[in-house]
Amino acid sequence: MTRFDGKVAVVTGAAGDIGSRLCRALAAENAEVIGADVDEAAGARLTAEMHAAGTSFTFRHLDVADPRSVAAFARTVGRVDVLVNAAGVLSYAPLSETAVEEWDRVLDINVRGAFLVTKELTSALADGATVVNLSSSAAVRAGAGWSAYSASKAALVALTKVTAAELAPRCRVNAVCPGALDTRMPHRLLDGHPAKETILHGMAEASMLKRLGEADEVVPICLFLASEEAGLITGASIIADGGTTAW
């Protein structure tokens, strides 16, 4: 027996570094995994990999910021035991240079997306189900250039607390707040930026551990919160940032 035997898990942002690893990890513990993402090509590759490994995985297209897409997705899903809202985007620019359209894009995906998916799947959540939201330590630590991103992740922490209160005692809802990670997303965001290496080095140096985190270090925390081992934890935001916000 494993922690997720017979469980149905939905993971948004399944094409991302954390989302794809969560899909693999949940399936490895015998969950029936439904991965959703707007990137269909990446979804097809993940599907082929998961099926080759003999694990239970279904990929579905989902634009978390589009209410119609979310509603259509929800109609294809039956019982849900684990929901992980991992879909998200980064944005980096001074406040004065952040376009309204960019602000809206980040808030729509990072906050509205989790709101819409959780809202539409609430009736599908089984008794004892768990929801895990991927926030960020940027929700609690200010940094120049991260206005839209930090605001979105802080809002997601607040949404986590409210959702936990509303779904209790039937379901638990928590957030994971990683610090700076060495994943594809920050590298793509900063490609071409003249200070890319300086920015990444500064992120690492801000940590007590003097390094960036890895996606593989976030996944076990998500699995713990989604499992019965964390049965007393709800409405919490677990910070995993190498001590960056502790000093």
C-alpha atoms as a PDB file:
ATOM      1  CA  MET A   1       0.000   0.000   0.000  1.00  0.00           C
ATOM      2  CA  THR A   2       1.133   3.551  -0.761  1.00  0.00           C
ATOM      3  CA  ARG A   3      -0.252   6.901   0.313  1.00  0.00           C
ATOM      4  CA  PHE A   4      -2.345   7.389  -2.820  1.00  0.00           C
ATOM      5  CA  ASP A   5      -3.651   3.908  -3.615  1.00  0.00           C
ATOM      6  CA  GLY A   6      -7.043   4.258  -5.294  1.00  0.00           C
ATOM      7  CA  LYS A   7      -6.891   8.070  -5.228  1.00  0.00           C
ATOM      8  CA  VAL A   8      -7.727  10.314  -8.154  1.00  0.00           C
ATOM      9  CA  ALA A   9      -5.338  13.269  -8.437  1.00  0.00           C
ATOM     10  CA  VAL A  10      -5.737  16.343 -10.632  1.00  0.00           C
ATOM     11  CA  VAL A  11      -2.627  18.421 -11.328  1.00  0.00           C
ATOM     12  CA  THR A  12      -2.818  21.699 -13.230  1.00  0.00           C
ATOM     13  CA  GLY A  13       0.328  23.085 -14.802  1.00  0.00           C
ATOM     14  CA  ALA A  14       1.235  19.474 -15.569  1.00  0.00           C
ATOM     15  CA  ALA A  15       3.698  20.465 -18.294  1.00  0.00           C
ATOM     16  CA  GLY A  16       5.840  22.514 -15.903  1.00  0.00           C
ATOM     17  CA  ASP A  17       8.885  21.416 -13.949  1.00  0.00           C
ATOM     18  CA  ILE A  18       7.010  20.943 -10.684  1.00  0.00           C
ATOM     19  CA  GLY A  19       3.703  19.853 -12.223  1.00  0.00           C
ATOM     20  CA  SER A  20       5.239  17.095 -14.336  1.00  0.00           C
ATOM     21  CA  ARG A  21       7.258  15.788 -11.404  1.00  0.00           C
ATOM     22  CA  LEU A  22       4.138  15.764  -9.250  1.00  0.00           C
ATOM     23  CA  CYS A  23       2.301  13.744 -11.901  1.00  0.00           C
ATOM     24  CA  ARG A  24       5.112  11.182 -11.963  1.00  0.00           C
ATOM     25  CA  ALA A  25       5.364  11.009  -8.164  1.00  0.00           C
ATOM     26  CA  LEU A  26       1.615  10.636  -7.604  1.00  0.00           C
ATOM     27  CA  ALA A  27       1.376   7.955 -10.290  1.00  0.00           C
ATOM     28  CA  ALA A  28       4.351   6.136  -8.746  1.00  0.00           C
ATOM     29  CA  GLU A  29       2.283   5.910  -5.556  1.00  0.00           C
ATOM     30  CA  ASN A  30      -0.602   4.344  -7.483  1.00  0.00           C
ATOM     31  CA  ALA A  31      -2.776   7.422  -7.925  1.00  0.00           C
ATOM     32  CA  GLU A  32      -4.914   7.779 -11.033  1.00  0.00           C
ATOM     33  CA  VAL A  33      -3.488  11.069 -12.299  1.00  0.00           C
ATOM     34  CA  ILE A  34      -5.184  13.627 -14.517  1.00  0.00           C
ATOM     35  CA  GLY A  35      -2.683  16.211 -15.715  1.00  0.00           C
ATOM     36  CA  ALA A  36      -3.933  19.435 -17.244  1.00  0.00           C
ATOM     37  CA  ASP A  37      -2.096  22.194 -19.058  1.00  0.00           C
ATOM     38  CA  VAL A  38      -2.423  24.619 -21.951  1.00  0.00           C
ATOM     39  CA  ASP A  39       0.715  23.121 -23.561  1.00  0.00           C
ATOM     40  CA  GLU A  40      -0.647  20.151 -25.504  1.00  0.00           C
ATOM     41  CA  ALA A  41       2.682  19.186 -27.084  1.00  0.00           C
ATOM     42  CA  ALA A  42       4.328  18.854 -23.674  1.00  0.00           C
ATOM     43  CA  GLY A  43       1.245  17.018 -22.459  1.00  0.00           C
ATOM     44  CA  ALA A  44       1.574  14.492 -25.260  1.00  0.00           C
ATOM     45  CA  ARG A  45       5.217  13.863 -24.373  1.00  0.00           C
ATOM     46  CA  LEU A  46       4.372  13.410 -20.705  1.00  0.00           C
ATOM     47  CA  THR A  47       1.535  11.040 -21.600  1.00  0.00           C
ATOM     48  CA  ALA A  48       3.832   8.861 -23.704  1.00  0.00           C
ATOM     49  CA  GLU A  49       6.393   8.747 -20.899  1.00  0.00           C
ATOM     50  CA  MET A  50       3.831   7.902 -18.225  1.00  0.00           C
ATOM     51  CA  HIS A  51       2.175   5.188 -20.295  1.00  0.00           C
ATOM     52  CA  ALA A  52       5.570   3.680 -21.159  1.00  0.00           C
ATOM     53  CA  ALA A  53       6.205   3.444 -17.421  1.00  0.00           C
ATOM     54  CA  GLY A  54       2.902   1.625 -16.984  1.00  0.00           C
ATOM     55  CA  THR A  55       1.328   4.300 -14.787  1.00  0.00           C
ATOM     56  CA  SER A  56      -2.231   5.637 -14.872  1.00  0.00           C
ATOM     57  CA  PHE A  57      -2.216   9.059 -16.497  1.00  0.00           C
ATOM     58  CA  THR A  58      -4.608  11.119 -18.582  1.00  0.00           C
ATOM     59  CA  PHE A  59      -3.735  14.498 -20.078  1.00  0.00           C
ATOM     60  CA  ARG A  60      -6.368  17.129 -20.766  1.00  0.00           C
ATOM     61  CA  HIS A  61      -6.050  20.581 -22.270  1.00  0.00           C
ATOM     62  CA  LEU A  62      -6.848  23.350 -19.791  1.00  0.00           C
ATOM     63  CA  ASP A  63      -6.486  27.121 -19.804  1.00  0.00           C
ATOM     64  CA  VAL A  64      -6.927  27.880 -16.109  1.00  0.00           C
ATOM     65  CA  ALA A  65      -7.588  31.581 -16.759  1.00  0.00           C
ATOM     66  CA  ASP A  66     -10.547  30.854 -19.088  1.00  0.00           C
ATOM     67  CA  PRO A  67     -13.821  30.108 -17.240  1.00  0.00           C
ATOM     68  CA  ARG A  68     -15.216  28.211 -20.233  1.00  0.00           C
ATOM     69  CA  SER A  69     -12.130  26.015 -20.479  1.00  0.00           C
ATOM     70  CA  VAL A  70     -12.222  25.284 -16.750  1.00  0.00           C
ATOM     71  CA  ALA A  71     -15.947  24.478 -16.814  1.00  0.00           C
ATOM     72  CA  ALA A  72     -15.457  22.136 -19.777  1.00  0.00           C
ATOM     73  CA  PHE A  73     -12.553  20.440 -18.023  1.00  0.00           C
ATOM     74  CA  ALA A  74     -14.546  20.005 -14.815  1.00  0.00           C
ATOM     75  CA  ARG A  75     -17.304  18.206 -16.729  1.00  0.00           C
ATOM     76  CA  THR A  76     -14.799  15.504 -17.735  1.00  0.00           C
ATOM     77  CA  VAL A  77     -13.652  14.845 -14.164  1.00  0.00           C
ATOM     78  CA  GLY A  78     -15.387  12.521 -11.733  1.00  0.00           C
ATOM     79  CA  ARG A  79     -14.327  12.089  -8.099  1.00  0.00           C
ATOM     80  CA  VAL A  80     -11.250  14.044  -7.025  1.00  0.00           C
ATOM     81  CA  ASP A  81      -9.190  13.058  -3.976  1.00  0.00           C
ATOM     82  CA  VAL A  82      -6.186  15.314  -4.567  1.00  0.00           C
ATOM     83  CA  LEU A  83      -6.140  18.645  -6.394  1.00  0.00           C
ATOM     84  CA  VAL A  84      -2.853  20.423  -6.973  1.00  0.00           C
ATOM     85  CA  ASN A  85      -3.064  23.911  -8.460  1.00  0.00           C
ATOM     86  CA  ALA A  86       0.441  24.127  -9.922  1.00  0.00           C
ATOM     87  CA  ALA A  87      -0.268  26.260 -12.991  1.00  0.00           C
ATOM     88  CA  GLY A  88       1.578  29.566 -12.805  1.00  0.00           C
ATOM     89  CA  VAL A  89       3.752  32.117 -14.561  1.00  0.00           C
ATOM     90  CA  LEU A  90       6.584  34.443 -13.609  1.00  0.00           C
ATOM     91  CA  SER A  91       6.912  38.138 -14.392  1.00  0.00           C
ATOM     92  CA  TYR A  92       9.801  40.497 -13.743  1.00  0.00           C
ATOM     93  CA  ALA A  93       9.771  44.247 -14.351  1.00  0.00           C
ATOM     94  CA  PRO A  94       9.788  47.469 -12.340  1.00  0.00           C
ATOM     95  CA  LEU A  95       6.313  48.551 -11.278  1.00  0.00           C
ATOM     96  CA  SER A  96       6.491  51.630 -13.516  1.00  0.00           C
ATOM     97  CA  GLU A  97       7.270  49.420 -16.518  1.00  0.00           C
ATOM     98  CA  THR A  98       4.708  46.694 -15.853  1.00  0.00           C
ATOM     99  CA  ALA A  99       1.970  46.873 -18.469  1.00  0.00           C
ATOM    100  CA  VAL A 100      -1.615  46.526 -17.294  1.00  0.00           C
ATOM    101  CA  GLU A 101      -1.968  43.585 -19.680  1.00  0.00           C
ATOM    102  CA  GLU A 102       0.982  41.821 -18.050  1.00  0.00           C
ATOM    103  CA  TRP A 103      -0.405  42.471 -14.569  1.00  0.00           C
ATOM    104  CA  ASP A 104      -3.743  40.987 -15.645  1.00  0.00           C
ATOM    105  CA  ARG A 105      -2.065  37.970 -17.289  1.00  0.00           C
ATOM    106  CA  VAL A 106      -0.115  37.073 -14.136  1.00  0.00           C
ATOM    107  CA  LEU A 107      -3.039  37.552 -11.765  1.00  0.00           C
ATOM    108  CA  ASP A 108      -5.385  35.683 -14.120  1.00  0.00           C
ATOM    109  CA  ILE A 109      -3.190  32.587 -14.301  1.00  0.00           C
ATOM    110  CA  ASN A 110      -1.744  32.527 -10.786  1.00  0.00           C
ATOM    111  CA  VAL A 111      -4.829  33.484  -8.758  1.00  0.00           C
ATOM    112  CA  ARG A 112      -7.924  33.424 -10.925  1.00  0.00           C
ATOM    113  CA  GLY A 113      -6.800  30.050 -12.277  1.00  0.00           C
ATOM    114  CA  ALA A 114      -6.627  28.418  -8.844  1.00  0.00           C
ATOM    115  CA  PHE A 115      -9.932  30.067  -7.897  1.00  0.00           C
ATOM    116  CA  LEU A 116     -11.725  28.835 -11.025  1.00  0.00           C
ATOM    117  CA  VAL A 117     -10.372  25.280 -10.888  1.00  0.00           C
ATOM    118  CA  THR A 118     -11.097  24.856  -7.183  1.00  0.00           C
ATOM    119  CA  LYS A 119     -14.546  26.414  -7.566  1.00  0.00           C
ATOM    120  CA  GLU A 120     -15.528  24.189 -10.479  1.00  0.00           C
ATOM    121  CA  LEU A 121     -14.195  21.027  -8.833  1.00  0.00           C
ATOM    122  CA  THR A 122     -15.586  21.670  -5.340  1.00  0.00           C
ATOM    123  CA  SER A 123     -18.565  19.376  -5.894  1.00  0.00           C
ATOM    124  CA  ALA A 124     -16.218  16.653  -7.195  1.00  0.00           C
ATOM    125  CA  LEU A 125     -13.969  16.739  -4.123  1.00  0.00           C
ATOM    126  CA  ALA A 126     -14.458  13.561  -2.119  1.00  0.00           C
ATOM    127  CA  ASP A 127     -14.796  13.543   1.651  1.00  0.00           C
ATOM    128  CA  GLY A 128     -11.239  13.746   2.976  1.00  0.00           C
ATOM    129  CA  ALA A 129      -9.936  15.287  -0.244  1.00  0.00           C
ATOM    130  CA  THR A 130      -6.959  17.622  -0.184  1.00  0.00           C
ATOM    131  CA  VAL A 131      -6.064  20.719  -2.177  1.00  0.00           C
ATOM    132  CA  VAL A 132      -2.499  21.983  -2.525  1.00  0.00           C
ATOM    133  CA  ASN A 133      -1.803  25.402  -4.047  1.00  0.00           C
ATOM    134  CA  LEU A 134       1.633  26.309  -5.389  1.00  0.00           C
ATOM    135  CA  SER A 135       2.372  29.783  -4.054  1.00  0.00           C
ATOM    136  CA  SER A 136       5.816  31.294  -3.429  1.00  0.00           C
ATOM    137  CA  SER A 137       7.929  32.825  -0.685  1.00  0.00           C
ATOM    138  CA  ALA A 138       7.553  35.981  -2.809  1.00  0.00           C
ATOM    139  CA  ALA A 139       4.150  36.210  -1.145  1.00  0.00           C
ATOM    140  CA  VAL A 140       5.812  37.248   2.097  1.00  0.00           C
ATOM    141  CA  ARG A 141       9.151  38.758   1.018  1.00  0.00           C
ATOM    142  CA  ALA A 142       9.296  41.907  -1.095  1.00  0.00           C
ATOM    143  CA  GLY A 143      11.689  42.112  -4.013  1.00  0.00           C
ATOM    144  CA  ALA A 144      12.103  44.866  -6.580  1.00  0.00           C
ATOM    145  CA  GLY A 145      10.763  43.890  -9.979  1.00  0.00           C
ATOM    146  CA  TRP A 146       8.319  41.244  -8.793  1.00  0.00           C
ATOM    147  CA  SER A 147       5.176  43.346  -8.210  1.00  0.00           C
ATOM    148  CA  ALA A 148       2.699  41.310 -10.266  1.00  0.00           C
ATOM    149  CA  TYR A 149       4.173  37.958  -9.280  1.00  0.00           C
ATOM    150  CA  SER A 150       4.381  38.741  -5.553  1.00  0.00           C
ATOM    151  CA  ALA A 151       0.867  40.179  -5.491  1.00  0.00           C
ATOM    152  CA  SER A 152      -0.513  37.092  -7.213  1.00  0.00           C
ATOM    153  CA  LYS A 153       1.209  34.684  -4.845  1.00  0.00           C
ATOM    154  CA  ALA A 154       0.156  36.659  -1.755  1.00  0.00           C
ATOM    155  CA  ALA A 155      -3.418  36.546  -3.011  1.00  0.00           C
ATOM    156  CA  LEU A 156      -3.082  32.789  -3.466  1.00  0.00           C
ATOM    157  CA  VAL A 157      -2.040  32.416   0.184  1.00  0.00           C
ATOM    158  CA  ALA A 158      -5.143  34.340   1.240  1.00  0.00           C
ATOM    159  CA  LEU A 159      -7.308  32.252  -1.090  1.00  0.00           C
ATOM    160  CA  THR A 160      -5.835  29.102   0.466  1.00  0.00           C
ATOM    161  CA  LYS A 161      -6.897  30.198   3.957  1.00  0.00           C
ATOM    162  CA  VAL A 162     -10.419  31.125   2.885  1.00  0.00           C
ATOM    163  CA  THR A 163     -10.879  27.925   0.891  1.00  0.00           C
ATOM    164  CA  ALA A 164      -9.628  25.875   3.835  1.00  0.00           C
ATOM    165  CA  ALA A 165     -12.219  27.533   6.087  1.00  0.00           C
ATOM    166  CA  GLU A 166     -15.030  26.993   3.610  1.00  0.00           C
ATOM    167  CA  LEU A 167     -14.249  23.358   2.803  1.00  0.00           C
ATOM    168  CA  ALA A 168     -13.567  22.309   6.406  1.00  0.00           C
ATOM    169  CA  PRO A 169     -14.053  19.843   7.937  1.00  0.00           C
ATOM    170  CA  ARG A 170     -14.676  17.794   4.792  1.00  0.00           C
ATOM    171  CA  CYS A 171     -11.453  18.723   2.958  1.00  0.00           C
ATOM    172  CA  ARG A 172      -8.043  20.195   3.745  1.00  0.00           C
ATOM    173  CA  VAL A 173      -6.424  23.039   1.778  1.00  0.00           C
ATOM    174  CA  ASN A 174      -2.806  24.165   2.064  1.00  0.00           C
ATOM    175  CA  ALA A 175      -0.174  26.060   0.107  1.00  0.00           C
ATOM    176  CA  VAL A 176       3.484  25.434  -0.581  1.00  0.00           C
ATOM    177  CA  CYS A 177       5.676  28.517  -0.910  1.00  0.00           C
ATOM    178  CA  PRO A 178       8.992  27.671  -2.580  1.00  0.00           C
ATOM    179  CA  GLY A 179      11.776  30.194  -2.835  1.00  0.00           C
ATOM    180  CA  ALA A 180      13.821  30.772  -5.988  1.00  0.00           C
ATOM    181  CA  LEU A 181      14.173  27.543  -7.953  1.00  0.00           C
ATOM    182  CA  ASP A 182      16.610  26.461 -10.625  1.00  0.00           C
ATOM    183  CA  THR A 183      13.904  25.548 -13.140  1.00  0.00           C
ATOM    184  CA  ARG A 184      13.166  26.394 -16.755  1.00  0.00           C
ATOM    185  CA  MET A 185      10.761  29.202 -15.871  1.00  0.00           C
ATOM    186  CA  PRO A 186      13.207  31.774 -14.392  1.00  0.00           C
ATOM    187  CA  HIS A 187      15.806  30.979 -17.049  1.00  0.00           C
ATOM    188  CA  ARG A 188      13.273  31.564 -19.845  1.00  0.00           C
ATOM    189  CA  LEU A 189      11.985  34.729 -18.166  1.00  0.00           C
ATOM    190  CA  LEU A 190      15.461  36.235 -17.850  1.00  0.00           C
ATOM    191  CA  ASP A 191      16.869  35.075 -21.199  1.00  0.00           C
ATOM    192  CA  GLY A 192      18.319  38.132 -22.915  1.00  0.00           C
ATOM    193  CA  HIS A 193      18.243  40.228 -19.746  1.00  0.00           C
ATOM    194  CA  PRO A 194      21.669  41.895 -19.358  1.00  0.00           C
ATOM    195  CA  ALA A 195      21.705  41.205 -15.626  1.00  0.00           C
ATOM    196  CA  LYS A 196      20.431  37.606 -15.791  1.00  0.00           C
ATOM    197  CA  GLU A 197      23.380  35.997 -14.018  1.00  0.00           C
ATOM    198  CA  THR A 198      23.515  38.769 -11.430  1.00  0.00           C
ATOM    199  CA  ILE A 199      19.822  38.340 -10.663  1.00  0.00           C
ATOM    200  CA  LEU A 200      20.088  34.545 -10.353  1.00  0.00           C
ATOM    201  CA  HIS A 201      23.203  34.854  -8.201  1.00  0.00           C
ATOM    202  CA  GLY A 202      21.430  37.357  -5.959  1.00  0.00           C
ATOM    203  CA  MET A 203      18.518  34.946  -5.517  1.00  0.00           C
ATOM    204  CA  ALA A 204      20.895  32.183  -4.457  1.00  0.00           C
ATOM    205  CA  GLU A 205      22.856  34.443  -2.109  1.00  0.00           C
ATOM    206  CA  ALA A 206      19.645  35.603  -0.400  1.00  0.00           C
ATOM    207  CA  SER A 207      19.169  32.043   0.858  1.00  0.00           C
ATOM    208  CA  MET A 208      20.823  30.826   4.053  1.00  0.00           C
ATOM    209  CA  LEU A 209      21.825  27.755   2.036  1.00  0.00           C
ATOM    210  CA  LYS A 210      23.433  29.961  -0.643  1.00  0.00           C
ATOM    211  CA  ARG A 211      21.820  28.129  -3.529  1.00  0.00           C
ATOM    212  CA  LEU A 212      18.681  27.930  -5.616  1.00  0.00           C
ATOM    213  CA  GLY A 213      16.187  25.204  -4.825  1.00  0.00           C
ATOM    214  CA  GLU A 214      15.311  22.287  -7.076  1.00  0.00           C
ATOM    215  CA  ALA A 215      11.864  21.236  -8.263  1.00  0.00           C
ATOM    216  CA  ASP A 216      12.496  17.765  -6.838  1.00  0.00           C
ATOM    217  CA  GLU A 217      12.764  19.342  -3.376  1.00  0.00           C
ATOM    218  CA  VAL A 218       9.267  20.849  -3.638  1.00  0.00           C
ATOM    219  CA  VAL A 219       7.444  17.704  -4.731  1.00  0.00           C
ATOM    220  CA  PRO A 220       7.802  15.749  -1.430  1.00  0.00           C
ATOM    221  CA  ILE A 221       6.324  18.684   0.480  1.00  0.00           C
ATOM    222  CA  CYS A 222       3.293  18.734  -1.812  1.00  0.00           C
ATOM    223  CA  LEU A 223       2.846  14.971  -1.461  1.00  0.00           C
ATOM    224  CA  PHE A 224       3.063  15.207   2.322  1.00  0.00           C
ATOM    225  CA  LEU A 225       0.365  17.893   2.471  1.00  0.00           C
ATOM    226  CA  ALA A 226      -1.820  15.888   0.082  1.00  0.00           C
ATOM    227  CA  SER A 227      -1.493  12.734   2.176  1.00  0.00           C
ATOM    228  CA  GLU A 228      -3.132  11.570   5.386  1.00  0.00           C
ATOM    229  CA  GLU A 229       0.201  12.113   7.135  1.00  0.00           C
ATOM    230  CA  ALA A 230      -0.689  15.825   7.196  1.00  0.00           C
ATOM    231  CA  GLY A 231      -4.155  15.179   8.580  1.00  0.00           C
ATOM    232  CA  LEU A 232      -3.933  17.996  11.141  1.00  0.00           C
ATOM    233  CA  ILE A 233      -2.683  20.624   8.689  1.00  0.00           C
ATOM    234  CA  THR A 234      -5.086  22.907   6.845  1.00  0.00           C
ATOM    235  CA  GLY A 235      -5.070  26.602   5.972  1.00  0.00           C
ATOM    236  CA  ALA A 236      -1.279  26.570   6.229  1.00  0.00           C
ATOM    237  CA  SER A 237       1.411  27.924   3.930  1.00  0.00           C
ATOM    238  CA  ILE A 238       4.621  25.930   4.124  1.00  0.00           C
ATOM    239  CA  ILE A 239       7.667  28.013   3.168  1.00  0.00           C
ATOM    240  CA  ALA A 240      10.531  26.117   1.522  1.00  0.00           C
ATOM    241  CA  ASP A 241      13.054  28.758   0.542  1.00  0.00           C
ATOM    242  CA  GLY A 242      16.316  27.790   2.197  1.00  0.00           C
ATOM    243  CA  GLY A 243      15.747  30.327   4.932  1.00  0.00           C
ATOM    244  CA  THR A 244      15.455  33.357   2.647  1.00  0.00           C
ATOM    245  CA  THR A 245      12.433  34.754   4.487  1.00  0.00           C
ATOM    246  CA  ALA A 246      13.752  33.824   7.935  1.00  0.00           C
ATOM    247  CA  TRP A 247      16.217  36.727   8.157  1.00  0.00           C
END
